Amino acid sequence: MNNELFYLQVQTRLDELAEALLQAGLYAEQAPDAAAFASTAPFCCDTMSFPNWLQFVLLPKLGEMVKTRAALPHNLVLLPMLEMTVPASSQTARLYAAIAELDSLFQV
Protein backbone atom coordinates (compact mmCIF):
# COMPACT_ATOMS: atom_id res chain seq x y z
CA MET A 1 0.00 0.00 0.00
CA ASN A 2 1.14 3.54 -0.74
CA ASN A 3 2.49 5.08 2.48
CA GLU A 4 0.85 8.45 1.76
CA LEU A 5 -2.51 6.75 1.28
CA PHE A 6 -2.05 4.89 4.56
CA TYR A 7 -1.35 8.13 6.46
CA LEU A 8 -4.46 9.69 4.91
CA GLN A 9 -6.55 6.68 5.94
CA VAL A 10 -5.23 6.84 9.49
CA GLN A 11 -5.99 10.58 9.72
CA THR A 12 -9.51 9.96 8.44
CA ARG A 13 -10.04 7.27 11.09
CA LEU A 14 -8.68 9.56 13.81
CA ASP A 15 -11.09 12.30 12.75
CA GLU A 16 -13.96 9.78 12.82
CA LEU A 17 -12.89 8.63 16.28
CA ALA A 18 -12.90 12.18 17.63
CA GLU A 19 -16.35 12.76 16.18
CA ALA A 20 -17.61 9.45 17.59
CA LEU A 21 -16.38 10.37 21.09
CA LEU A 22 -18.24 13.66 20.82
CA GLN A 23 -21.41 12.02 19.53
CA ALA A 24 -21.34 9.44 22.34
CA GLY A 25 -21.09 12.20 24.93
CA LEU A 26 -17.63 11.01 25.96
CA TYR A 27 -15.60 13.99 24.70
CA ALA A 28 -14.17 15.87 27.67
CA GLU A 29 -13.91 19.65 27.77
CA GLN A 30 -10.77 19.55 29.91
CA ALA A 31 -7.76 17.27 29.91
CA PRO A 32 -6.96 15.26 33.01
CA ASP A 33 -4.34 16.79 35.28
CA ALA A 34 -0.68 16.30 34.39
CA ALA A 35 -0.21 13.51 36.94
CA ALA A 36 -2.73 11.35 35.05
CA PHE A 37 -0.40 11.28 32.05
CA ALA A 38 2.50 9.95 34.14
CA SER A 39 0.82 6.58 34.56
CA THR A 40 2.77 3.52 33.49
CA ALA A 41 -0.35 1.34 33.31
CA PRO A 42 -1.65 0.35 29.86
CA PHE A 43 -4.02 3.04 28.54
CA CYS A 44 -3.35 5.02 31.76
CA CYS A 45 -6.20 2.89 33.10
CA ASP A 46 -5.34 3.73 36.69
CA THR A 47 -5.53 7.51 36.18
CA MET A 48 -8.08 8.22 33.45
CA SER A 49 -11.02 6.69 31.65
CA PHE A 50 -10.44 4.91 28.35
CA PRO A 51 -12.35 7.60 26.42
CA ASN A 52 -10.08 10.22 28.04
CA TRP A 53 -7.04 8.17 27.02
CA LEU A 54 -8.32 8.01 23.45
CA GLN A 55 -8.95 11.75 23.38
CA PHE A 56 -5.90 13.05 25.20
CA VAL A 57 -3.23 10.41 24.49
CA LEU A 58 -4.00 8.35 21.39
CA LEU A 59 -5.52 11.04 19.16
CA PRO A 60 -2.74 13.61 19.73
CA LYS A 61 0.06 11.04 19.56
CA LEU A 62 -1.11 9.29 16.39
CA GLY A 63 -2.13 12.62 14.90
CA GLU A 64 1.38 13.96 15.38
CA MET A 65 2.86 10.77 13.93
CA VAL A 66 0.68 11.16 10.85
CA LYS A 67 1.50 14.85 10.53
CA THR A 68 5.25 14.24 10.68
CA ARG A 69 5.02 10.99 8.69
CA ALA A 70 6.70 9.12 11.55
CA ALA A 71 6.68 5.34 11.75
CA LEU A 72 3.26 4.14 12.91
CA PRO A 73 2.53 1.12 15.11
CA HIS A 74 2.45 -2.22 13.36
CA ASN A 75 -0.35 -3.61 15.47
CA LEU A 76 -3.05 -1.67 17.28
CA VAL A 77 -5.81 -3.44 19.18
CA LEU A 78 -8.12 -1.08 21.02
CA LEU A 79 -11.53 -2.72 20.64
CA PRO A 80 -11.14 -5.18 23.55
CA MET A 81 -10.36 -2.32 25.94
CA LEU A 82 -13.34 -0.36 24.66
CA GLU A 83 -15.57 -3.40 25.17
CA MET A 84 -14.35 -3.73 28.78
CA THR A 85 -14.82 -0.06 29.67
CA VAL A 86 -17.64 1.45 27.59
CA PRO A 87 -21.00 -0.31 27.36
CA ALA A 88 -22.20 -1.00 23.84
CA SER A 89 -25.38 0.91 23.07
CA SER A 90 -26.99 2.87 20.27
CA GLN A 91 -25.19 5.93 21.67
CA THR A 92 -21.76 4.27 21.45
CA ALA A 93 -22.27 2.29 18.22
CA ARG A 94 -20.37 4.85 16.13
CA LEU A 95 -17.51 4.79 18.65
CA TYR A 96 -17.33 1.01 18.44
CA ALA A 97 -17.28 1.20 14.63
CA ALA A 98 -14.59 3.89 14.60
CA ILE A 99 -12.34 1.85 16.93
CA ALA A 100 -12.88 -1.33 14.90
CA GLU A 101 -11.99 0.50 11.69
CA LEU A 102 -8.87 2.03 13.23
CA ASP A 103 -7.79 -1.37 14.57
CA SER A 104 -8.29 -2.94 11.13
CA LEU A 105 -5.84 -0.49 9.55
CA PHE A 106 -3.07 -1.72 11.83
CA GLN A 107 -3.61 -5.47 11.62
CA VAL A 108 -0.56 -7.26 10.29
PDB file of N, CA and C in Angstrom:
ATOM      1  N   MET A   1       0.832  -1.172   0.000  1.00  0.00           N
ATOM      2  CA  MET A   1       0.000   0.000   0.000  1.00  0.00           C
ATOM      3  C   MET A   1       0.887   1.248   0.000  1.00  0.00           C
ATOM      4  N   ASN A   2       0.458   2.246  -0.698  1.00  0.00           N
ATOM      5  CA  ASN A   2       1.140   3.536  -0.745  1.00  0.00           C
ATOM      6  C   ASN A   2       1.168   4.133   0.659  1.00  0.00           C
ATOM      7  N   ASN A   3       2.360   4.518   1.128  1.00  0.00           N
ATOM      8  CA  ASN A   3       2.486   5.084   2.475  1.00  0.00           C
ATOM      9  C   ASN A   3       1.646   6.336   2.653  1.00  0.00           C
ATOM     10  N   GLU A   4       1.627   7.208   1.652  1.00  0.00           N
ATOM     11  CA  GLU A   4       0.848   8.448   1.757  1.00  0.00           C
ATOM     12  C   GLU A   4      -0.638   8.122   1.914  1.00  0.00           C
ATOM     13  N   LEU A   5      -1.116   7.165   1.169  1.00  0.00           N
ATOM     14  CA  LEU A   5      -2.509   6.747   1.281  1.00  0.00           C
ATOM     15  C   LEU A   5      -2.796   6.210   2.676  1.00  0.00           C
ATOM     16  N   PHE A   6      -1.868   5.443   3.221  1.00  0.00           N
ATOM     17  CA  PHE A   6      -2.048   4.891   4.562  1.00  0.00           C
ATOM     18  C   PHE A   6      -2.156   6.013   5.592  1.00  0.00           C
ATOM     19  N   TYR A   7      -1.280   6.996   5.521  1.00  0.00           N
ATOM     20  CA  TYR A   7      -1.349   8.128   6.456  1.00  0.00           C
ATOM     21  C   TYR A   7      -2.688   8.859   6.330  1.00  0.00           C
ATOM     22  N   LEU A   8      -3.161   9.039   5.114  1.00  0.00           N
ATOM     23  CA  LEU A   8      -4.459   9.695   4.913  1.00  0.00           C
ATOM     24  C   LEU A   8      -5.596   8.866   5.508  1.00  0.00           C
ATOM     25  N   GLN A   9      -5.526   7.557   5.356  1.00  0.00           N
ATOM     26  CA  GLN A   9      -6.548   6.676   5.935  1.00  0.00           C
ATOM     27  C   GLN A   9      -6.527   6.745   7.457  1.00  0.00           C
ATOM     28  N   VAL A  10      -5.348   6.750   8.038  1.00  0.00           N
ATOM     29  CA  VAL A  10      -5.230   6.839   9.493  1.00  0.00           C
ATOM     30  C   VAL A  10      -5.803   8.166   9.975  1.00  0.00           C
ATOM     31  N   GLN A  11      -5.466   9.272   9.307  1.00  0.00           N
ATOM     32  CA  GLN A  11      -5.990  10.577   9.724  1.00  0.00           C
ATOM     33  C   GLN A  11      -7.513  10.610   9.625  1.00  0.00           C
ATOM     34  N   THR A  12      -8.059  10.023   8.590  1.00  0.00           N
ATOM     35  CA  THR A  12      -9.515   9.962   8.442  1.00  0.00           C
ATOM     36  C   THR A  12     -10.129   9.192   9.609  1.00  0.00           C
ATOM     37  N   ARG A  13      -9.530   8.079   9.972  1.00  0.00           N
ATOM     38  CA  ARG A  13     -10.043   7.275  11.090  1.00  0.00           C
ATOM     39  C   ARG A  13      -9.922   8.029  12.413  1.00  0.00           C
ATOM     40  N   LEU A  14      -8.837   8.776  12.588  1.00  0.00           N
ATOM     41  CA  LEU A  14      -8.679   9.564  13.813  1.00  0.00           C
ATOM     42  C   LEU A  14      -9.749  10.647  13.894  1.00  0.00           C
ATOM     43  N   ASP A  15     -10.039  11.287  12.776  1.00  0.00           N
ATOM     44  CA  ASP A  15     -11.095  12.300  12.751  1.00  0.00           C
ATOM     45  C   ASP A  15     -12.449  11.673  13.079  1.00  0.00           C
ATOM     46  N   GLU A  16     -12.704  10.491  12.530  1.00  0.00           N
ATOM     47  CA  GLU A  16     -13.956   9.780  12.820  1.00  0.00           C
ATOM     48  C   GLU A  16     -14.040   9.400  14.292  1.00  0.00           C
ATOM     49  N   LEU A  17     -12.917   8.990  14.866  1.00  0.00           N
ATOM     50  CA  LEU A  17     -12.890   8.625  16.284  1.00  0.00           C
ATOM     51  C   LEU A  17     -13.206   9.827  17.155  1.00  0.00           C
ATOM     52  N   ALA A  18     -12.616  10.967  16.860  1.00  0.00           N
ATOM     53  CA  ALA A  18     -12.898  12.181  17.634  1.00  0.00           C
ATOM     54  C   ALA A  18     -14.373  12.543  17.547  1.00  0.00           C
ATOM     55  N   GLU A  19     -14.936  12.458  16.361  1.00  0.00           N
ATOM     56  CA  GLU A  19     -16.355  12.764  16.180  1.00  0.00           C
ATOM     57  C   GLU A  19     -17.235  11.756  16.918  1.00  0.00           C
ATOM     58  N   ALA A  20     -16.833  10.494  16.909  1.00  0.00           N
ATOM     59  CA  ALA A  20     -17.606   9.453  17.595  1.00  0.00           C
ATOM     60  C   ALA A  20     -17.583   9.656  19.109  1.00  0.00           C
ATOM     61  N   LEU A  21     -16.451  10.065  19.652  1.00  0.00           N
ATOM     62  CA  LEU A  21     -16.377  10.374  21.090  1.00  0.00           C
ATOM     63  C   LEU A  21     -17.331  11.509  21.441  1.00  0.00           C
ATOM     64  N   LEU A  22     -17.353  12.518  20.603  1.00  0.00           N
ATOM     65  CA  LEU A  22     -18.237  13.659  20.818  1.00  0.00           C
ATOM     66  C   LEU A  22     -19.699  13.230  20.747  1.00  0.00           C
ATOM     67  N   GLN A  23     -20.032  12.471  19.726  1.00  0.00           N
ATOM     68  CA  GLN A  23     -21.410  12.022  19.533  1.00  0.00           C
ATOM     69  C   GLN A  23     -21.881  11.133  20.690  1.00  0.00           C
ATOM     70  N   ALA A  24     -20.981  10.346  21.240  1.00  0.00           N
ATOM     71  CA  ALA A  24     -21.341   9.442  22.340  1.00  0.00           C
ATOM     72  C   ALA A  24     -21.410  10.169  23.682  1.00  0.00           C
ATOM     73  N   GLY A  25     -21.094  11.449  23.680  1.00  0.00           N
ATOM     74  CA  GLY A  25     -21.093  12.204  24.931  1.00  0.00           C
ATOM     75  C   GLY A  25     -19.893  11.905  25.804  1.00  0.00           C
ATOM     76  N   LEU A  26     -18.821  11.413  25.206  1.00  0.00           N
ATOM     77  CA  LEU A  26     -17.629  11.010  25.956  1.00  0.00           C
ATOM     78  C   LEU A  26     -16.445  11.941  25.715  1.00  0.00           C
ATOM     79  N   TYR A  27     -16.666  13.029  24.999  1.00  0.00           N
ATOM     80  CA  TYR A  27     -15.603  13.986  24.700  1.00  0.00           C
ATOM     81  C   TYR A  27     -15.509  14.965  25.864  1.00  0.00           C
ATOM     82  N   ALA A  28     -14.353  15.027  26.483  1.00  0.00           N
ATOM     83  CA  ALA A  28     -14.167  15.867  27.672  1.00  0.00           C
ATOM     84  C   ALA A  28     -13.768  17.286  27.263  1.00  0.00           C
ATOM     85  N   GLU A  29     -14.259  18.249  28.015  1.00  0.00           N
ATOM     86  CA  GLU A  29     -13.914  19.648  27.772  1.00  0.00           C
ATOM     87  C   GLU A  29     -12.510  19.978  28.267  1.00  0.00           C
ATOM     88  N   GLN A  30     -12.086  19.293  29.340  1.00  0.00           N
ATOM     89  CA  GLN A  30     -10.772  19.553  29.914  1.00  0.00           C
ATOM     90  C   GLN A  30      -9.964  18.268  29.993  1.00  0.00           C
ATOM     91  N   ALA A  31      -8.672  18.412  29.787  1.00  0.00           N
ATOM     92  CA  ALA A  31      -7.757  17.274  29.905  1.00  0.00           C
ATOM     93  C   ALA A  31      -7.590  16.904  31.371  1.00  0.00           C
ATOM     94  N   PRO A  32      -7.293  15.642  31.642  1.00  0.00           N
ATOM     95  CA  PRO A  32      -6.962  15.256  33.014  1.00  0.00           C
ATOM     96  C   PRO A  32      -5.729  16.033  33.482  1.00  0.00           C
ATOM     97  N   ASP A  33      -5.514  16.066  34.785  1.00  0.00           N
ATOM     98  CA  ASP A  33      -4.338  16.789  35.277  1.00  0.00           C
ATOM     99  C   ASP A  33      -3.055  16.085  34.831  1.00  0.00           C
ATOM    100  N   ALA A  34      -1.961  16.794  34.909  1.00  0.00           N
ATOM    101  CA  ALA A  34      -0.676  16.301  34.395  1.00  0.00           C
ATOM    102  C   ALA A  34      -0.268  14.967  35.009  1.00  0.00           C
ATOM    103  N   ALA A  35      -0.589  14.752  36.272  1.00  0.00           N
ATOM    104  CA  ALA A  35      -0.205  13.505  36.943  1.00  0.00           C
ATOM    105  C   ALA A  35      -0.857  12.292  36.275  1.00  0.00           C
ATOM    106  N   ALA A  36      -2.034  12.467  35.699  1.00  0.00           N
ATOM    107  CA  ALA A  36      -2.730  11.352  35.051  1.00  0.00           C
ATOM    108  C   ALA A  36      -1.935  10.815  33.862  1.00  0.00           C
ATOM    109  N   PHE A  37      -1.175  11.679  33.231  1.00  0.00           N
ATOM    110  CA  PHE A  37      -0.401  11.276  32.052  1.00  0.00           C
ATOM    111  C   PHE A  37       0.893  10.557  32.426  1.00  0.00           C
ATOM    112  N   ALA A  38       1.266  10.595  33.680  1.00  0.00           N
ATOM    113  CA  ALA A  38       2.500   9.953  34.138  1.00  0.00           C
ATOM    114  C   ALA A  38       2.307   8.463  34.430  1.00  0.00           C
ATOM    115  N   SER A  39       1.112   7.980  34.285  1.00  0.00           N
ATOM    116  CA  SER A  39       0.819   6.577  34.556  1.00  0.00           C
ATOM    117  C   SER A  39       1.679   5.662  33.692  1.00  0.00           C
ATOM    118  N   THR A  40       2.056   4.533  34.258  1.00  0.00           N
ATOM    119  CA  THR A  40       2.771   3.515  33.486  1.00  0.00           C
ATOM    120  C   THR A  40       1.867   2.327  33.156  1.00  0.00           C
ATOM    121  N   ALA A  41       0.617   2.400  33.596  1.00  0.00           N
ATOM    122  CA  ALA A  41      -0.349   1.338  33.307  1.00  0.00           C
ATOM    123  C   ALA A  41      -0.818   1.446  31.854  1.00  0.00           C
ATOM    124  N   PRO A  42      -1.129   0.305  31.231  1.00  0.00           N
ATOM    125  CA  PRO A  42      -1.647   0.352  29.860  1.00  0.00           C
ATOM    126  C   PRO A  42      -2.869   1.273  29.790  1.00  0.00           C
ATOM    127  N   PHE A  43      -2.912   2.109  28.768  1.00  0.00           N
ATOM    128  CA  PHE A  43      -4.019   3.035  28.536  1.00  0.00           C
ATOM    129  C   PHE A  43      -4.231   4.002  29.704  1.00  0.00           C
ATOM    130  N   CYS A  44      -3.226   4.170  30.552  1.00  0.00           N
ATOM    131  CA  CYS A  44      -3.350   5.022  31.755  1.00  0.00           C
ATOM    132  C   CYS A  44      -4.611   4.650  32.531  1.00  0.00           C
ATOM    133  N   CYS A  45      -4.921   3.354  32.541  1.00  0.00           N
ATOM    134  CA  CYS A  45      -6.197   2.892  33.099  1.00  0.00           C
ATOM    135  C   CYS A  45      -6.346   3.153  34.593  1.00  0.00           C
ATOM    136  N   ASP A  46      -5.254   3.446  35.262  1.00  0.00           N
ATOM    137  CA  ASP A  46      -5.338   3.733  36.688  1.00  0.00           C
ATOM    138  C   ASP A  46      -5.527   5.227  36.979  1.00  0.00           C
ATOM    139  N   THR A  47      -5.441   6.068  35.944  1.00  0.00           N
ATOM    140  CA  THR A  47      -5.526   7.506  36.182  1.00  0.00           C
ATOM    141  C   THR A  47      -6.555   8.237  35.325  1.00  0.00           C
ATOM    142  N   MET A  48      -7.069   7.568  34.283  1.00  0.00           N
ATOM    143  CA  MET A  48      -8.085   8.216  33.446  1.00  0.00           C
ATOM    144  C   MET A  48      -8.963   7.166  32.790  1.00  0.00           C
ATOM    145  N   SER A  49     -10.113   7.600  32.341  1.00  0.00           N
ATOM    146  CA  SER A  49     -11.024   6.687  31.650  1.00  0.00           C
ATOM    147  C   SER A  49     -10.455   6.368  30.263  1.00  0.00           C
ATOM    148  N   PHE A  50     -10.908   5.275  29.686  1.00  0.00           N
ATOM    149  CA  PHE A  50     -10.440   4.911  28.349  1.00  0.00           C
ATOM    150  C   PHE A  50     -10.823   5.976  27.323  1.00  0.00           C
ATOM    151  N   PRO A  51     -12.054   6.520  27.355  1.00  0.00           N
ATOM    152  CA  PRO A  51     -12.355   7.602  26.419  1.00  0.00           C
ATOM    153  C   PRO A  51     -11.416   8.805  26.590  1.00  0.00           C
ATOM    154  N   ASN A  52     -11.044   9.129  27.832  1.00  0.00           N
ATOM    155  CA  ASN A  52     -10.078  10.217  28.040  1.00  0.00           C
ATOM    156  C   ASN A  52      -8.736   9.851  27.440  1.00  0.00           C
ATOM    157  N   TRP A  53      -8.305   8.606  27.603  1.00  0.00           N
ATOM    158  CA  TRP A  53      -7.037   8.173  27.022  1.00  0.00           C
ATOM    159  C   TRP A  53      -7.079   8.296  25.499  1.00  0.00           C
ATOM    160  N   LEU A  54      -8.191   7.873  24.902  1.00  0.00           N
ATOM    161  CA  LEU A  54      -8.323   8.010  23.453  1.00  0.00           C
ATOM    162  C   LEU A  54      -8.195   9.468  23.037  1.00  0.00           C
ATOM    163  N   GLN A  55      -8.915  10.346  23.739  1.00  0.00           N
ATOM    164  CA  GLN A  55      -8.955  11.753  23.376  1.00  0.00           C
ATOM    165  C   GLN A  55      -7.644  12.486  23.638  1.00  0.00           C
ATOM    166  N   PHE A  56      -7.038  12.234  24.785  1.00  0.00           N
ATOM    167  CA  PHE A  56      -5.897  13.048  25.203  1.00  0.00           C
ATOM    168  C   PHE A  56      -4.528  12.387  25.013  1.00  0.00           C
ATOM    169  N   VAL A  57      -4.510  11.092  24.718  1.00  0.00           N
ATOM    170  CA  VAL A  57      -3.228  10.414  24.489  1.00  0.00           C
ATOM    171  C   VAL A  57      -3.166   9.884  23.052  1.00  0.00           C
ATOM    172  N   LEU A  58      -4.077   8.997  22.702  1.00  0.00           N
ATOM    173  CA  LEU A  58      -4.001   8.353  21.387  1.00  0.00           C
ATOM    174  C   LEU A  58      -4.184   9.347  20.240  1.00  0.00           C
ATOM    175  N   LEU A  59      -5.263  10.123  20.272  1.00  0.00           N
ATOM    176  CA  LEU A  59      -5.520  11.036  19.159  1.00  0.00           C
ATOM    177  C   LEU A  59      -4.366  12.022  18.937  1.00  0.00           C
ATOM    178  N   PRO A  60      -3.871  12.692  19.982  1.00  0.00           N
ATOM    179  CA  PRO A  60      -2.744  13.608  19.730  1.00  0.00           C
ATOM    180  C   PRO A  60      -1.467  12.889  19.274  1.00  0.00           C
ATOM    181  N   LYS A  61      -1.187  11.743  19.895  1.00  0.00           N
ATOM    182  CA  LYS A  61       0.056  11.040  19.557  1.00  0.00           C
ATOM    183  C   LYS A  61       0.031  10.513  18.125  1.00  0.00           C
ATOM    184  N   LEU A  62      -1.029   9.793  17.766  1.00  0.00           N
ATOM    185  CA  LEU A  62      -1.108   9.287  16.395  1.00  0.00           C
ATOM    186  C   LEU A  62      -1.255  10.423  15.398  1.00  0.00           C
ATOM    187  N   GLY A  63      -1.982  11.464  15.779  1.00  0.00           N
ATOM    188  CA  GLY A  63      -2.133  12.618  14.899  1.00  0.00           C
ATOM    189  C   GLY A  63      -0.795  13.255  14.589  1.00  0.00           C
ATOM    190  N   GLU A  64       0.048  13.394  15.586  1.00  0.00           N
ATOM    191  CA  GLU A  64       1.383  13.961  15.378  1.00  0.00           C
ATOM    192  C   GLU A  64       2.238  13.028  14.518  1.00  0.00           C
ATOM    193  N   MET A  65       2.102  11.733  14.739  1.00  0.00           N
ATOM    194  CA  MET A  65       2.859  10.770  13.934  1.00  0.00           C
ATOM    195  C   MET A  65       2.450  10.854  12.464  1.00  0.00           C
ATOM    196  N   VAL A  66       1.157  11.015  12.221  1.00  0.00           N
ATOM    197  CA  VAL A  66       0.676  11.156  10.846  1.00  0.00           C
ATOM    198  C   VAL A  66       1.192  12.464  10.252  1.00  0.00           C
ATOM    199  N   LYS A  67       1.079  13.527  11.008  1.00  0.00           N
ATOM    200  CA  LYS A  67       1.500  14.848  10.531  1.00  0.00           C
ATOM    201  C   LYS A  67       2.978  14.873  10.140  1.00  0.00           C
ATOM    202  N   THR A  68       3.809  14.235  10.941  1.00  0.00           N
ATOM    203  CA  THR A  68       5.251  14.235  10.680  1.00  0.00           C
ATOM    204  C   THR A  68       5.698  13.044   9.842  1.00  0.00           C
ATOM    205  N   ARG A  69       4.745  12.194   9.486  1.00  0.00           N
ATOM    206  CA  ARG A  69       5.016  10.991   8.693  1.00  0.00           C
ATOM    207  C   ARG A  69       6.010  10.073   9.407  1.00  0.00           C
ATOM    208  N   ALA A  70       5.873  10.013  10.731  1.00  0.00           N
ATOM    209  CA  ALA A  70       6.703   9.120  11.548  1.00  0.00           C
ATOM    210  C   ALA A  70       6.223   7.682  11.386  1.00  0.00           C
ATOM    211  N   ALA A  71       7.060   6.760  11.794  1.00  0.00           N
ATOM    212  CA  ALA A  71       6.681   5.342  11.748  1.00  0.00           C
ATOM    213  C   ALA A  71       5.483   5.115  12.669  1.00  0.00           C
ATOM    214  N   LEU A  72       4.487   4.435  12.151  1.00  0.00           N
ATOM    215  CA  LEU A  72       3.263   4.144  12.910  1.00  0.00           C
ATOM    216  C   LEU A  72       3.337   2.746  13.503  1.00  0.00           C
ATOM    217  N   PRO A  73       2.524   2.466  14.508  1.00  0.00           N
ATOM    218  CA  PRO A  73       2.533   1.121  15.110  1.00  0.00           C
ATOM    219  C   PRO A  73       2.209   0.064  14.058  1.00  0.00           C
ATOM    220  N   HIS A  74       2.732  -1.120  14.278  1.00  0.00           N
ATOM    221  CA  HIS A  74       2.448  -2.225  13.364  1.00  0.00           C
ATOM    222  C   HIS A  74       1.201  -2.981  13.760  1.00  0.00           C
ATOM    223  N   ASN A  75       0.830  -2.894  14.999  1.00  0.00           N
ATOM    224  CA  ASN A  75      -0.346  -3.612  15.473  1.00  0.00           C
ATOM    225  C   ASN A  75      -1.018  -2.756  16.535  1.00  0.00           C
ATOM    226  N   LEU A  76      -2.278  -2.489  16.348  1.00  0.00           N
ATOM    227  CA  LEU A  76      -3.046  -1.671  17.278  1.00  0.00           C
ATOM    228  C   LEU A  76      -4.337  -2.419  17.554  1.00  0.00           C
ATOM    229  N   VAL A  77      -4.600  -2.701  18.814  1.00  0.00           N
ATOM    230  CA  VAL A  77      -5.805  -3.439  19.179  1.00  0.00           C
ATOM    231  C   VAL A  77      -6.457  -2.705  20.346  1.00  0.00           C
ATOM    232  N   LEU A  78      -7.440  -1.892  20.023  1.00  0.00           N
ATOM    233  CA  LEU A  78      -8.121  -1.076  21.019  1.00  0.00           C
ATOM    234  C   LEU A  78      -9.522  -1.571  21.359  1.00  0.00           C
ATOM    235  N   LEU A  79     -10.139  -2.300  20.449  1.00  0.00           N
ATOM    236  CA  LEU A  79     -11.526  -2.716  20.641  1.00  0.00           C
ATOM    237  C   LEU A  79     -11.756  -3.509  21.934  1.00  0.00           C
ATOM    238  N   PRO A  80     -10.887  -4.448  22.299  1.00  0.00           N
ATOM    239  CA  PRO A  80     -11.141  -5.181  23.554  1.00  0.00           C
ATOM    240  C   PRO A  80     -11.186  -4.258  24.777  1.00  0.00           C
ATOM    241  N   MET A  81     -10.340  -3.250  24.812  1.00  0.00           N
ATOM    242  CA  MET A  81     -10.357  -2.316  25.939  1.00  0.00           C
ATOM    243  C   MET A  81     -11.647  -1.497  25.928  1.00  0.00           C
ATOM    244  N   LEU A  82     -12.072  -1.090  24.759  1.00  0.00           N
ATOM    245  CA  LEU A  82     -13.340  -0.363  24.661  1.00  0.00           C
ATOM    246  C   LEU A  82     -14.484  -1.232  25.173  1.00  0.00           C
ATOM    247  N   GLU A  83     -14.501  -2.489  24.753  1.00  0.00           N
ATOM    248  CA  GLU A  83     -15.567  -3.404  25.174  1.00  0.00           C
ATOM    249  C   GLU A  83     -15.590  -3.595  26.691  1.00  0.00           C
ATOM    250  N   MET A  84     -14.427  -3.537  27.323  1.00  0.00           N
ATOM    251  CA  MET A  84     -14.350  -3.725  28.778  1.00  0.00           C
ATOM    252  C   MET A  84     -14.737  -2.468  29.552  1.00  0.00           C
ATOM    253  N   THR A  85     -14.660  -1.302  28.914  1.00  0.00           N
ATOM    254  CA  THR A  85     -14.816  -0.061  29.668  1.00  0.00           C
ATOM    255  C   THR A  85     -16.002   0.804  29.269  1.00  0.00           C
ATOM    256  N   VAL A  86     -16.529   0.624  28.071  1.00  0.00           N
ATOM    257  CA  VAL A  86     -17.641   1.452  27.594  1.00  0.00           C
ATOM    258  C   VAL A  86     -18.755   0.526  27.114  1.00  0.00           C
ATOM    259  N   PRO A  87     -19.900   0.574  27.767  1.00  0.00           N
ATOM    260  CA  PRO A  87     -20.998  -0.305  27.360  1.00  0.00           C
ATOM    261  C   PRO A  87     -21.438  -0.042  25.915  1.00  0.00           C
ATOM    262  N   ALA A  88     -21.683  -1.118  25.201  1.00  0.00           N
ATOM    263  CA  ALA A  88     -22.201  -0.998  23.836  1.00  0.00           C
ATOM    264  C   ALA A  88     -23.653  -0.558  23.915  1.00  0.00           C
ATOM    265  N   SER A  89     -24.004   0.416  23.113  1.00  0.00           N
ATOM    266  CA  SER A  89     -25.376   0.912  23.069  1.00  0.00           C
ATOM    267  C   SER A  89     -25.561   1.642  21.748  1.00  0.00           C
ATOM    268  N   SER A  90     -26.768   2.090  21.491  1.00  0.00           N
ATOM    269  CA  SER A  90     -26.988   2.865  20.270  1.00  0.00           C
ATOM    270  C   SER A  90     -26.180   4.160  20.319  1.00  0.00           C
ATOM    271  N   GLN A  91     -25.953   4.688  21.509  1.00  0.00           N
ATOM    272  CA  GLN A  91     -25.193   5.929  21.672  1.00  0.00           C
ATOM    273  C   GLN A  91     -23.701   5.724  21.387  1.00  0.00           C
ATOM    274  N   THR A  92     -23.188   4.524  21.640  1.00  0.00           N
ATOM    275  CA  THR A  92     -21.761   4.265  21.445  1.00  0.00           C
ATOM    276  C   THR A  92     -21.461   3.445  20.194  1.00  0.00           C
ATOM    277  N   ALA A  93     -22.469   3.129  19.401  1.00  0.00           N
ATOM    278  CA  ALA A  93     -22.273   2.291  18.219  1.00  0.00           C
ATOM    279  C   ALA A  93     -21.252   2.893  17.255  1.00  0.00           C
ATOM    280  N   ARG A  94     -21.320   4.194  17.049  1.00  0.00           N
ATOM    281  CA  ARG A  94     -20.373   4.846  16.135  1.00  0.00           C
ATOM    282  C   ARG A  94     -18.951   4.794  16.694  1.00  0.00           C
ATOM    283  N   LEU A  95     -18.820   4.899  18.009  1.00  0.00           N
ATOM    284  CA  LEU A  95     -17.508   4.790  18.646  1.00  0.00           C
ATOM    285  C   LEU A  95     -16.942   3.394  18.443  1.00  0.00           C
ATOM    286  N   TYR A  96     -17.767   2.390  18.648  1.00  0.00           N
ATOM    287  CA  TYR A  96     -17.334   1.006  18.436  1.00  0.00           C
ATOM    288  C   TYR A  96     -16.878   0.802  16.992  1.00  0.00           C
ATOM    289  N   ALA A  97     -17.640   1.343  16.044  1.00  0.00           N
ATOM    290  CA  ALA A  97     -17.285   1.196  14.629  1.00  0.00           C
ATOM    291  C   ALA A  97     -15.981   1.924  14.319  1.00  0.00           C
ATOM    292  N   ALA A  98     -15.806   3.114  14.863  1.00  0.00           N
ATOM    293  CA  ALA A  98     -14.587   3.887  14.604  1.00  0.00           C
ATOM    294  C   ALA A  98     -13.353   3.167  15.143  1.00  0.00           C
ATOM    295  N   ILE A  99     -13.474   2.600  16.340  1.00  0.00           N
ATOM    296  CA  ILE A  99     -12.341   1.855  16.926  1.00  0.00           C
ATOM    297  C   ILE A  99     -12.049   0.602  16.101  1.00  0.00           C
ATOM    298  N   ALA A 100     -13.081  -0.116  15.705  1.00  0.00           N
ATOM    299  CA  ALA A 100     -12.877  -1.327  14.903  1.00  0.00           C
ATOM    300  C   ALA A 100     -12.197  -0.992  13.577  1.00  0.00           C
ATOM    301  N   GLU A 101     -12.599   0.104  12.953  1.00  0.00           N
ATOM    302  CA  GLU A 101     -11.985   0.498  11.687  1.00  0.00           C
ATOM    303  C   GLU A 101     -10.540   0.925  11.876  1.00  0.00           C
ATOM    304  N   LEU A 102     -10.260   1.644  12.953  1.00  0.00           N
ATOM    305  CA  LEU A 102      -8.873   2.035  13.230  1.00  0.00           C
ATOM    306  C   LEU A 102      -8.019   0.793  13.478  1.00  0.00           C
ATOM    307  N   ASP A 103      -8.524  -0.118  14.314  1.00  0.00           N
ATOM    308  CA  ASP A 103      -7.789  -1.368  14.572  1.00  0.00           C
ATOM    309  C   ASP A 103      -7.486  -2.103  13.272  1.00  0.00           C
ATOM    310  N   SER A 104      -8.461  -2.158  12.372  1.00  0.00           N
ATOM    311  CA  SER A 104      -8.286  -2.940  11.131  1.00  0.00           C
ATOM    312  C   SER A 104      -7.171  -2.376  10.250  1.00  0.00           C
ATOM    313  N   LEU A 105      -6.927  -1.073  10.345  1.00  0.00           N
ATOM    314  CA  LEU A 105      -5.837  -0.493   9.550  1.00  0.00           C
ATOM    315  C   LEU A 105      -4.469  -1.010   9.996  1.00  0.00           C
ATOM    316  N   PHE A 106      -4.372  -1.369  11.256  1.00  0.00           N
ATOM    317  CA  PHE A 106      -3.070  -1.721  11.828  1.00  0.00           C
ATOM    318  C   PHE A 106      -2.868  -3.225  12.022  1.00  0.00           C
ATOM    319  N   GLN A 107      -3.769  -4.024  11.494  1.00  0.00           N
ATOM    320  CA  GLN A 107      -3.613  -5.471  11.625  1.00  0.00           C
ATOM    321  C   GLN A 107      -2.571  -5.954  10.636  1.00  0.00           C
ATOM    322  N   VAL A 108      -1.638  -6.738  11.145  1.00  0.00           N
ATOM    323  CA  VAL A 108      -0.556  -7.257  10.291  1.00  0.00           C
ATOM    324  C   VAL A 108      -0.880  -8.640   9.799  1.00  0.00           C
TER     325      VAL A 108
END
